[in-house]
Amino acid sequence: MTKQKKLRHLEYYDLEKCFDNLYERSKQGDVFTDLMELISSQENIRLAYRNIKRNKGSYTKGTDGMTIKDIEKLSPEKLAEIIQRKFQFYKPKAVRRVEIPKPNGKTRPLGIPTIIDRLVQQCILQVLEPICEAKFHERSNGFRPNRSAEHAMAQCYKMIQQQNLHYVVDVDIKGFFDNVNHSKLIRQMWNLGIRDKQLICIIKEMLKAPVVLPDGSKIYPDKGTPQGGILSPLLANIVLNELDWWISSQWETMPTHKKYKNSYSKNGTLNNSYKFNVFRRKTKLKEIFIVRYADDFKIFCRKRSNADKIF
């Protein structure tokens, strides 16, 4: 239902072809230096408003006390004018920190930006998502359109039942969101072809937004992305995309001198079994495959010794 709504919204504002074009250009390795014109367009701002107004989180107050109900009172033209002006001299307001209880009794820190800053983030997300999607690994499943935990579980079952990979290294990165290196993140965005300098400056400001703690004190982060921000999950996937492809390059996408013919299964998936059989016979490469959901990932191995070394 959510997917259908988003597609309908895209068609309503005639942006479907535009985002598809971004995806195709990114697939071909294009560099993007003029994204702000699209991000700050009236159509993209209206699409952002429509996408978040039904979200329950849009009724949660930020540090300025405003919610989506306050935005609903504005005309579409006035809202577009406010957001466009915000983009020209972007300085985010402080993020409100709340502690959300976890099932294990601990708490998870959640950062709640103001509703205007959430709209700004949604505008950026809509344009960056197709560019990044073209570069993301097939088995990265967290916080991506048309992906879910069920997809990650299905991939795990396939590894175990069809590929007979019965040794697993299970990794969960402790405090990942709180420790993302800002400079590294910006470099990775640049490597993905996102090279609009005004946009990069806006994202830098967003990452440095002050955080108001529950006791009223204020901190100024120099690392991490605030959990709760609309753009944070995409930025986290950008950081971990390098890990996905590095693990893939150790076996699956390892370059070879000889070109091996690719065959496809009946369901359309690529079959690399011939190349893999050559690897097993003629190399000492470790057969490993990654399945990732956000900062929680599993590496599947054929041998116990390989799993021990990978760990």
Protein backbone atom coordinates (compact mmCIF):
# COMPACT_ATOMS: atom_id res chain seq x y z
CA MET A 1 0.00 0.00 0.00
CA THR A 2 2.84 2.44 0.90
CA LYS A 3 4.60 1.61 -2.38
CA GLN A 4 1.39 2.26 -4.36
CA LYS A 5 0.88 5.60 -2.62
CA LYS A 6 4.44 6.74 -3.37
CA LEU A 7 4.12 5.72 -7.02
CA ARG A 8 0.83 7.60 -7.26
CA HIS A 9 2.42 10.69 -5.74
CA LEU A 10 5.33 10.46 -8.22
CA GLU A 11 2.91 10.28 -11.15
CA TYR A 12 0.81 13.11 -9.72
CA TYR A 13 3.80 15.48 -9.71
CA ASP A 14 5.24 14.07 -12.96
CA LEU A 15 8.59 13.15 -11.36
CA GLU A 16 8.66 9.42 -12.12
CA LYS A 17 10.60 9.81 -15.39
CA CYS A 18 12.96 12.30 -13.77
CA PHE A 19 13.92 9.91 -10.94
CA ASP A 20 14.17 6.96 -13.35
CA ASN A 21 16.59 9.04 -15.42
CA LEU A 22 18.72 9.74 -12.32
CA TYR A 23 18.85 5.98 -11.64
CA GLU A 24 19.93 5.17 -15.21
CA ARG A 25 22.57 7.91 -15.27
CA SER A 26 23.95 6.67 -11.93
CA LYS A 27 24.09 3.10 -13.28
CA GLN A 28 26.22 4.38 -16.16
CA GLY A 29 28.62 6.14 -13.76
CA ASP A 30 27.53 9.74 -14.37
CA VAL A 31 28.58 12.54 -11.99
CA PHE A 32 25.89 14.85 -10.55
CA THR A 33 26.91 18.48 -9.95
CA ASP A 34 23.56 20.29 -10.30
CA LEU A 35 21.10 18.45 -8.04
CA MET A 36 19.93 21.46 -6.02
CA GLU A 37 17.77 22.79 -8.84
CA LEU A 38 15.70 19.58 -8.76
CA ILE A 39 15.77 19.25 -4.95
CA SER A 40 14.42 22.78 -4.45
CA SER A 41 11.84 22.61 -7.27
CA GLN A 42 8.19 23.23 -6.36
CA GLU A 43 7.17 19.74 -7.57
CA ASN A 44 9.77 18.01 -5.39
CA ILE A 45 8.80 20.08 -2.32
CA ARG A 46 5.10 19.28 -2.82
CA LEU A 47 5.96 15.60 -3.26
CA ALA A 48 7.98 15.69 -0.01
CA TYR A 49 5.04 17.23 1.86
CA ARG A 50 2.63 14.64 0.47
CA ASN A 51 4.98 11.75 1.34
CA ILE A 52 5.44 12.73 5.01
CA LYS A 53 2.07 14.22 5.92
CA ARG A 54 0.46 10.79 6.54
CA ASN A 55 3.48 9.61 8.53
CA LYS A 56 2.69 9.29 12.26
CA GLY A 57 6.07 10.83 13.10
CA SER A 58 5.05 14.10 11.43
CA TYR A 59 2.71 14.74 14.40
CA THR A 60 5.68 14.62 16.80
CA LYS A 61 6.94 18.04 17.88
CA GLY A 62 10.52 19.16 17.30
CA THR A 63 12.36 21.78 19.35
CA ASP A 64 10.23 24.55 17.80
CA GLY A 65 6.97 22.87 18.92
CA MET A 66 5.59 22.66 15.35
CA THR A 67 3.99 19.61 13.69
CA ILE A 68 2.54 18.82 10.28
CA LYS A 69 -0.73 20.45 11.41
CA ASP A 70 1.03 23.83 11.40
CA ILE A 71 2.34 23.18 7.87
CA GLU A 72 -1.14 22.19 6.61
CA LYS A 73 -2.30 25.78 7.19
CA LEU A 74 0.16 27.08 4.54
CA SER A 75 -0.66 27.27 0.84
CA PRO A 76 1.51 25.08 -1.46
CA GLU A 77 3.13 28.22 -2.88
CA LYS A 78 3.98 29.60 0.57
CA LEU A 79 5.42 26.26 1.73
CA ALA A 80 7.58 26.01 -1.41
CA GLU A 81 8.81 29.57 -0.82
CA ILE A 82 9.77 28.79 2.82
CA ILE A 83 11.66 25.60 1.89
CA GLN A 84 13.43 27.25 -1.08
CA ARG A 85 14.56 30.11 1.17
CA LYS A 86 15.73 27.56 3.77
CA PHE A 87 17.87 25.83 1.10
CA GLN A 88 19.62 29.11 0.17
CA PHE A 89 21.02 29.71 3.67
CA TYR A 90 20.62 26.36 5.38
CA LYS A 91 21.05 26.28 9.15
CA PRO A 92 19.11 23.46 10.80
CA LYS A 93 17.40 24.04 14.12
CA ALA A 94 18.35 21.91 17.13
CA VAL A 95 17.30 18.24 17.15
CA ARG A 96 15.23 16.99 20.11
CA ARG A 97 16.68 13.82 21.69
CA VAL A 98 14.32 11.26 23.21
CA GLU A 99 15.09 7.81 24.63
CA ILE A 100 13.02 4.95 23.19
CA PRO A 101 12.87 1.70 25.26
CA LYS A 102 14.21 -1.47 23.57
CA PRO A 103 12.90 -5.03 24.19
CA ASN A 104 16.11 -5.92 26.10
CA GLY A 105 15.46 -3.19 28.70
CA LYS A 106 17.99 -0.71 27.30
CA THR A 107 17.07 2.49 25.45
CA ARG A 108 17.74 3.75 21.91
CA PRO A 109 18.45 7.49 21.40
CA LEU A 110 16.15 9.03 18.81
CA GLY A 111 16.73 12.49 17.30
CA ILE A 112 13.63 14.42 16.22
CA PRO A 113 14.35 17.33 13.83
CA THR A 114 11.83 20.16 13.40
CA ILE A 115 9.07 19.56 10.85
CA ILE A 116 10.64 22.07 8.40
CA ASP A 117 14.01 20.29 8.66
CA ARG A 118 12.22 16.97 8.08
CA LEU A 119 10.69 18.39 4.90
CA VAL A 120 14.14 19.56 3.79
CA GLN A 121 15.54 16.07 4.44
CA GLN A 122 12.67 14.43 2.54
CA CYS A 123 13.32 16.71 -0.47
CA ILE A 124 16.98 15.61 -0.50
CA LEU A 125 16.12 11.93 0.09
CA GLN A 126 13.77 11.77 -2.92
CA VAL A 127 16.55 12.90 -5.28
CA LEU A 128 19.49 11.03 -3.71
CA GLU A 129 17.67 7.71 -3.33
CA PRO A 130 17.54 6.73 -7.05
CA ILE A 131 21.21 7.77 -7.48
CA CYS A 132 22.32 5.62 -4.53
CA GLU A 133 19.98 2.70 -5.33
CA ALA A 134 21.80 2.24 -8.64
CA LYS A 135 25.07 1.70 -6.71
CA PHE A 136 23.88 -0.34 -3.72
CA HIS A 137 24.56 -4.07 -3.37
CA GLU A 138 21.81 -6.59 -4.10
CA ARG A 139 21.90 -8.06 -0.59
CA SER A 140 21.68 -4.80 1.36
CA ASN A 141 18.09 -4.82 2.63
CA GLY A 142 17.65 -2.25 5.41
CA PHE A 143 15.86 1.08 4.86
CA ARG A 144 15.57 0.70 1.09
CA PRO A 145 12.47 1.05 -1.11
CA ASN A 146 10.67 -2.27 -1.71
CA ARG A 147 13.04 -4.08 0.70
CA SER A 148 12.35 -5.50 4.15
CA ALA A 149 13.63 -7.84 6.84
CA GLU A 150 11.74 -10.62 5.01
CA HIS A 151 14.00 -10.13 1.97
CA ALA A 152 17.09 -10.51 4.18
CA MET A 153 15.63 -13.68 5.75
CA ALA A 154 14.83 -15.14 2.31
CA GLN A 155 18.40 -14.51 1.17
CA CYS A 156 19.71 -16.24 4.32
CA TYR A 157 17.49 -19.28 3.66
CA LYS A 158 18.77 -19.42 0.07
CA MET A 159 22.40 -19.39 1.29
CA ILE A 160 21.73 -22.24 3.72
CA GLN A 161 19.31 -24.44 1.78
CA GLN A 162 20.38 -23.99 -1.86
CA GLN A 163 24.05 -23.05 -1.62
CA ASN A 164 24.80 -25.23 1.44
CA LEU A 165 26.68 -22.47 3.26
CA HIS A 166 26.29 -23.65 6.87
CA TYR A 167 28.91 -21.56 8.71
CA VAL A 168 27.90 -18.00 9.55
CA VAL A 169 29.72 -15.01 11.03
CA ASP A 170 27.04 -12.88 12.68
CA VAL A 171 27.96 -9.21 13.19
CA ASP A 172 26.07 -6.31 14.74
CA ILE A 173 27.99 -3.01 14.79
CA LYS A 174 27.74 -1.52 18.28
CA GLY A 175 26.68 2.14 18.30
CA PHE A 176 27.02 2.40 14.52
CA PHE A 177 24.69 5.37 13.97
CA ASP A 178 26.38 7.33 16.78
CA ASN A 179 29.90 6.85 15.40
CA VAL A 180 29.65 7.52 11.65
CA ASN A 181 32.69 9.55 10.54
CA HIS A 182 31.39 12.70 8.80
CA SER A 183 34.46 13.20 6.57
CA LYS A 184 34.39 9.58 5.46
CA LEU A 185 30.67 9.81 4.68
CA ILE A 186 31.16 12.92 2.50
CA ARG A 187 34.03 11.19 0.61
CA GLN A 188 31.82 8.17 -0.02
CA MET A 189 29.01 10.39 -1.36
CA TRP A 190 31.57 12.05 -3.65
CA ASN A 191 32.69 8.59 -4.89
CA LEU A 192 29.06 7.70 -5.68
CA GLY A 193 28.96 10.69 -8.04
CA ILE A 194 27.09 13.09 -5.72
CA ARG A 195 29.24 16.19 -6.30
CA ASP A 196 26.86 19.14 -5.95
CA LYS A 197 28.88 21.34 -3.57
CA GLN A 198 25.86 23.27 -2.26
CA LEU A 199 24.11 19.99 -1.42
CA ILE A 200 27.22 18.63 0.32
CA CYS A 201 27.42 21.81 2.44
CA ILE A 202 23.74 21.38 3.41
CA ILE A 203 24.31 17.76 4.46
CA LYS A 204 27.38 18.81 6.50
CA GLU A 205 25.24 21.39 8.33
CA MET A 206 22.57 18.74 8.91
CA LEU A 207 25.10 16.35 10.47
CA LYS A 208 26.39 19.10 12.80
CA ALA A 209 22.91 20.20 13.99
CA PRO A 210 22.94 20.72 17.80
CA VAL A 211 21.09 18.11 19.89
CA VAL A 212 18.90 19.06 22.88
CA LEU A 213 19.06 16.28 25.50
CA PRO A 214 16.09 15.29 27.74
CA ASP A 215 17.59 17.30 30.63
CA GLY A 216 17.65 20.45 28.47
CA SER A 217 21.41 20.58 27.89
CA LYS A 218 22.75 20.95 24.35
CA ILE A 219 25.55 19.05 22.57
CA TYR A 220 27.24 19.67 19.21
CA PRO A 221 28.01 16.33 17.49
CA ASP A 222 31.23 15.85 15.50
CA LYS A 223 30.34 12.30 14.42
CA GLY A 224 27.27 10.11 13.92
CA THR A 225 23.94 10.53 12.14
CA PRO A 226 20.86 11.14 14.32
CA GLN A 227 18.53 8.10 14.42
CA GLY A 228 15.09 9.48 13.66
CA GLY A 229 16.22 11.81 10.88
CA ILE A 230 14.60 11.04 7.51
CA LEU A 231 17.95 11.12 5.69
CA SER A 232 19.93 9.12 8.29
CA PRO A 233 19.09 5.59 7.02
CA LEU A 234 20.23 6.47 3.48
CA LEU A 235 23.46 8.00 4.80
CA ALA A 236 24.08 4.87 6.90
CA ASN A 237 23.65 2.67 3.80
CA ILE A 238 26.10 4.90 1.89
CA VAL A 239 28.71 4.33 4.63
CA LEU A 240 28.22 0.54 4.68
CA ASN A 241 27.96 0.16 0.88
CA GLU A 242 31.77 0.03 0.72
CA LEU A 243 31.77 -2.95 3.11
CA ASP A 244 29.18 -4.81 1.00
CA TRP A 245 31.20 -4.45 -2.19
CA TRP A 246 34.53 -5.23 -0.50
CA ILE A 247 33.19 -8.55 0.82
CA SER A 248 31.63 -9.21 -2.60
CA SER A 249 35.02 -8.57 -4.27
CA GLN A 250 36.66 -11.32 -2.17
CA TRP A 251 34.67 -14.03 -4.00
CA GLU A 252 31.51 -13.14 -5.96
CA THR A 253 32.80 -10.23 -8.03
CA MET A 254 36.50 -11.09 -7.92
CA PRO A 255 37.92 -9.96 -11.30
CA THR A 256 39.36 -12.74 -13.49
CA HIS A 257 41.82 -12.70 -16.41
CA LYS A 258 39.56 -14.99 -18.39
CA LYS A 259 36.01 -13.91 -19.25
CA TYR A 260 33.51 -16.54 -18.10
CA LYS A 261 30.15 -16.81 -19.80
CA ASN A 262 27.22 -15.79 -17.62
CA SER A 263 24.12 -17.96 -17.55
CA TYR A 264 20.75 -17.14 -16.01
CA SER A 265 18.39 -19.33 -13.99
CA LYS A 266 14.72 -19.73 -14.92
CA ASN A 267 13.79 -17.03 -12.40
CA GLY A 268 16.20 -14.57 -14.05
CA THR A 269 18.99 -14.65 -11.42
CA LEU A 270 22.63 -14.69 -12.53
CA ASN A 271 24.31 -18.11 -12.29
CA ASN A 272 28.05 -17.91 -11.57
CA SER A 273 28.52 -21.59 -10.70
CA TYR A 274 31.09 -22.28 -13.46
CA LYS A 275 33.32 -19.38 -12.36
CA PHE A 276 32.96 -20.41 -8.70
CA ASN A 277 33.93 -24.02 -9.49
CA VAL A 278 37.13 -22.73 -11.15
CA PHE A 279 37.85 -20.64 -8.03
CA ARG A 280 37.42 -23.71 -5.80
CA ARG A 281 39.74 -25.85 -7.94
CA LYS A 282 42.48 -23.37 -8.80
CA THR A 283 42.61 -20.75 -6.02
CA LYS A 284 42.75 -20.47 -2.24
CA LEU A 285 40.03 -17.81 -2.14
CA LYS A 286 37.57 -17.97 0.74
CA GLU A 287 33.99 -18.52 -0.40
CA ILE A 288 32.00 -15.81 1.43
CA PHE A 289 28.68 -14.03 0.88
CA ILE A 290 27.17 -11.13 2.83
CA VAL A 291 23.52 -10.52 3.74
CA ARG A 292 22.97 -7.15 5.45
CA TYR A 293 20.08 -5.35 7.12
CA ALA A 294 21.20 -1.88 8.27
CA ASP A 295 24.12 -2.32 10.72
CA ASP A 296 23.35 -6.02 11.32
CA PHE A 297 24.94 -8.41 8.82
CA LYS A 298 25.83 -12.04 8.33
CA ILE A 299 28.72 -13.52 6.32
CA PHE A 300 28.04 -17.03 5.03
CA CYS A 301 31.00 -19.42 4.55
CA ARG A 302 31.40 -22.97 3.24
CA LYS A 303 34.07 -24.05 5.73
CA ARG A 304 34.39 -23.62 9.48
CA SER A 305 38.05 -22.59 9.08
CA ASN A 306 37.05 -19.78 6.70
CA ALA A 307 34.38 -18.55 9.12
CA ASP A 308 36.97 -18.49 11.96
CA LYS A 309 39.42 -16.47 9.82
CA ILE A 310 36.73 -14.03 8.66
CA PHE A 311 35.62 -13.51 12.29
